[in-house]
Amino acid sequence: MLTLTGVRIRPSDKVQYFDANGISLVLGERVIVETWDGEQEGTVVIAPDQALHSDLRGPLAKVLRKALPG
C-alpha cells in the first residue's frame, strides 16, 4: 500500500509528495529521494501518518533511504 510523505528539498521549495516506501519517517528527518534531477536530499515536512487522503494521480517517486547525519 502506498504511504504518502511530504518532502521539501530546499526551505523555499514547494512540498513534493513521495511514496515512503515502507520506511519509518518522522517530521524533520532528512531523506534521499529520486527526482527528475536525480537523487536529492530533502526534509520530511509531512510525516506518513499525517497524510490521510490524497487526490494525487499516477505513480509517485519513492523515498530511497534516510540521509546520513552530518
N, C-alpha and C. Protein backbone atom coordinates (compact mmCIF):
# COMPACT_ATOMS: atom_id res chain seq x y z
N MET A 1 0.84 -1.19 0.00
CA MET A 1 0.00 0.00 0.00
C MET A 1 0.87 1.24 0.00
N LEU A 2 0.47 2.23 -0.76
CA LEU A 2 1.20 3.49 -0.88
C LEU A 2 1.02 4.30 0.40
N THR A 3 2.14 4.79 0.94
CA THR A 3 2.11 5.66 2.11
C THR A 3 2.77 6.98 1.72
N LEU A 4 1.98 8.05 1.68
CA LEU A 4 2.50 9.36 1.26
C LEU A 4 3.31 10.03 2.34
N THR A 5 4.33 10.75 1.90
CA THR A 5 5.07 11.63 2.80
C THR A 5 5.41 12.89 2.01
N GLY A 6 5.40 14.03 2.67
CA GLY A 6 5.73 15.30 2.02
C GLY A 6 7.17 15.68 2.33
N VAL A 7 7.92 16.01 1.28
CA VAL A 7 9.33 16.35 1.42
C VAL A 7 9.59 17.69 0.75
N ARG A 8 10.41 18.51 1.39
CA ARG A 8 10.83 19.79 0.83
C ARG A 8 12.34 19.69 0.59
N ILE A 9 12.77 19.90 -0.66
CA ILE A 9 14.18 19.80 -1.00
C ILE A 9 14.95 21.00 -0.44
N ARG A 10 14.45 22.20 -0.68
CA ARG A 10 15.06 23.43 -0.14
C ARG A 10 13.99 24.16 0.67
N PRO A 11 14.39 24.94 1.65
CA PRO A 11 13.39 25.61 2.50
C PRO A 11 12.35 26.42 1.74
N SER A 12 12.74 27.02 0.60
CA SER A 12 11.79 27.85 -0.14
C SER A 12 11.00 27.08 -1.20
N ASP A 13 11.28 25.79 -1.39
CA ASP A 13 10.59 24.97 -2.38
C ASP A 13 9.19 24.57 -1.91
N LYS A 14 8.35 24.21 -2.87
CA LYS A 14 7.03 23.68 -2.52
C LYS A 14 7.21 22.24 -2.03
N VAL A 15 6.21 21.75 -1.33
CA VAL A 15 6.24 20.37 -0.83
C VAL A 15 6.01 19.43 -2.00
N GLN A 16 6.83 18.40 -2.08
CA GLN A 16 6.66 17.35 -3.08
C GLN A 16 6.27 16.08 -2.35
N TYR A 17 5.42 15.28 -2.97
CA TYR A 17 4.95 14.06 -2.33
C TYR A 17 5.66 12.84 -2.91
N PHE A 18 6.02 11.93 -2.01
CA PHE A 18 6.74 10.71 -2.36
C PHE A 18 6.10 9.54 -1.65
N ASP A 19 6.33 8.35 -2.19
CA ASP A 19 5.96 7.11 -1.52
C ASP A 19 7.02 6.86 -0.45
N ALA A 20 6.60 6.71 0.81
CA ALA A 20 7.55 6.49 1.91
C ALA A 20 8.28 5.16 1.77
N ASN A 21 7.78 4.27 0.90
CA ASN A 21 8.50 3.04 0.56
C ASN A 21 8.73 2.13 1.76
N GLY A 22 7.80 2.17 2.72
CA GLY A 22 7.91 1.30 3.89
C GLY A 22 8.92 1.77 4.93
N ILE A 23 9.49 2.95 4.73
CA ILE A 23 10.48 3.48 5.67
C ILE A 23 9.76 4.29 6.74
N SER A 24 10.10 4.05 8.00
CA SER A 24 9.51 4.79 9.11
C SER A 24 10.14 6.18 9.16
N LEU A 25 9.32 7.22 8.97
CA LEU A 25 9.82 8.59 8.90
C LEU A 25 9.10 9.48 9.91
N VAL A 26 9.81 10.49 10.39
CA VAL A 26 9.23 11.48 11.30
C VAL A 26 9.52 12.88 10.78
N LEU A 27 8.76 13.85 11.25
CA LEU A 27 8.98 15.24 10.84
C LEU A 27 10.40 15.68 11.10
N GLY A 28 10.97 16.42 10.15
CA GLY A 28 12.30 16.97 10.31
C GLY A 28 13.42 16.04 9.90
N GLU A 29 13.08 14.80 9.61
CA GLU A 29 14.12 13.83 9.23
C GLU A 29 14.60 14.10 7.81
N ARG A 30 15.90 13.92 7.60
CA ARG A 30 16.49 14.10 6.27
C ARG A 30 16.43 12.79 5.51
N VAL A 31 16.03 12.87 4.23
CA VAL A 31 15.88 11.68 3.41
C VAL A 31 16.48 11.92 2.02
N ILE A 32 16.77 10.83 1.33
CA ILE A 32 17.21 10.88 -0.06
C ILE A 32 16.03 10.43 -0.91
N VAL A 33 15.66 11.25 -1.89
CA VAL A 33 14.54 10.95 -2.77
C VAL A 33 15.00 11.00 -4.22
N GLU A 34 14.24 10.32 -5.07
CA GLU A 34 14.52 10.35 -6.51
C GLU A 34 13.68 11.44 -7.15
N THR A 35 14.33 12.37 -7.85
CA THR A 35 13.64 13.46 -8.53
C THR A 35 14.01 13.44 -10.01
N TRP A 36 13.41 14.34 -10.77
CA TRP A 36 13.77 14.46 -12.20
C TRP A 36 15.24 14.81 -12.36
N ASP A 37 15.83 15.46 -11.36
CA ASP A 37 17.23 15.87 -11.40
C ASP A 37 18.14 14.84 -10.75
N GLY A 38 17.66 13.64 -10.51
CA GLY A 38 18.45 12.60 -9.85
C GLY A 38 18.17 12.56 -8.36
N GLU A 39 19.04 11.88 -7.63
CA GLU A 39 18.86 11.77 -6.18
C GLU A 39 19.14 13.10 -5.51
N GLN A 40 18.24 13.49 -4.58
CA GLN A 40 18.41 14.73 -3.84
C GLN A 40 18.06 14.50 -2.39
N GLU A 41 18.65 15.31 -1.53
CA GLU A 41 18.36 15.24 -0.10
C GLU A 41 17.30 16.28 0.23
N GLY A 42 16.34 15.88 1.05
CA GLY A 42 15.29 16.79 1.47
C GLY A 42 14.88 16.52 2.91
N THR A 43 13.93 17.31 3.40
CA THR A 43 13.46 17.21 4.77
C THR A 43 11.99 16.80 4.77
N VAL A 44 11.65 15.83 5.62
CA VAL A 44 10.25 15.41 5.75
C VAL A 44 9.48 16.53 6.45
N VAL A 45 8.47 17.06 5.76
CA VAL A 45 7.63 18.13 6.34
C VAL A 45 6.21 17.65 6.58
N ILE A 46 5.85 16.52 5.99
CA ILE A 46 4.56 15.87 6.26
C ILE A 46 4.88 14.39 6.46
N ALA A 47 4.74 13.94 7.70
CA ALA A 47 5.04 12.55 8.03
C ALA A 47 4.00 11.63 7.41
N PRO A 48 4.37 10.37 7.15
CA PRO A 48 3.40 9.44 6.55
C PRO A 48 2.09 9.31 7.33
N ASP A 49 2.13 9.39 8.63
CA ASP A 49 0.88 9.25 9.40
C ASP A 49 0.03 10.52 9.39
N GLN A 50 0.54 11.62 8.80
CA GLN A 50 -0.22 12.86 8.70
C GLN A 50 -0.99 12.96 7.39
N ALA A 51 -0.59 12.22 6.38
CA ALA A 51 -1.24 12.28 5.08
C ALA A 51 -2.31 11.20 5.03
N LEU A 52 -3.55 11.58 5.30
CA LEU A 52 -4.64 10.61 5.38
C LEU A 52 -5.33 10.36 4.04
N HIS A 53 -5.35 11.36 3.18
CA HIS A 53 -6.06 11.23 1.91
C HIS A 53 -5.37 12.11 0.88
N SER A 54 -5.41 11.69 -0.35
CA SER A 54 -4.81 12.49 -1.40
C SER A 54 -5.54 12.31 -2.71
N ASP A 55 -5.56 13.35 -3.50
CA ASP A 55 -6.12 13.28 -4.84
C ASP A 55 -5.01 13.14 -5.87
N LEU A 56 -3.79 12.85 -5.43
CA LEU A 56 -2.67 12.69 -6.35
C LEU A 56 -2.95 11.51 -7.27
N ARG A 57 -2.56 11.66 -8.51
CA ARG A 57 -2.78 10.62 -9.51
C ARG A 57 -1.43 10.18 -10.08
N GLY A 58 -1.41 8.95 -10.55
CA GLY A 58 -0.21 8.43 -11.20
C GLY A 58 0.82 7.93 -10.21
N PRO A 59 1.86 7.32 -10.74
CA PRO A 59 2.90 6.77 -9.86
C PRO A 59 3.71 7.88 -9.19
N LEU A 60 4.12 7.63 -7.97
CA LEU A 60 4.95 8.59 -7.24
C LEU A 60 6.37 8.07 -7.14
N ALA A 61 7.32 8.98 -7.15
CA ALA A 61 8.71 8.60 -6.87
C ALA A 61 8.79 8.16 -5.42
N LYS A 62 9.83 7.42 -5.08
CA LYS A 62 9.95 6.86 -3.73
C LYS A 62 11.06 7.53 -2.93
N VAL A 63 10.87 7.49 -1.62
CA VAL A 63 11.97 7.81 -0.72
C VAL A 63 12.93 6.63 -0.84
N LEU A 64 14.18 6.92 -1.14
CA LEU A 64 15.16 5.85 -1.34
C LEU A 64 15.74 5.35 -0.01
N ARG A 65 16.03 6.29 0.89
CA ARG A 65 16.63 5.94 2.17
C ARG A 65 16.71 7.19 3.04
N LYS A 66 17.00 6.97 4.30
CA LYS A 66 17.26 8.10 5.21
C LYS A 66 18.66 8.62 4.90
N ALA A 67 18.84 9.93 5.05
CA ALA A 67 20.14 10.54 4.79
C ALA A 67 21.04 10.30 6.01
N LEU A 68 22.32 10.18 5.73
CA LEU A 68 23.28 10.03 6.81
C LEU A 68 23.44 11.35 7.55
N PRO A 69 23.56 11.32 8.87
CA PRO A 69 23.72 12.57 9.62
C PRO A 69 25.05 13.23 9.29
N GLY A 70 25.03 14.56 9.39
CA GLY A 70 26.27 15.30 9.29
C GLY A 70 26.50 15.85 7.98
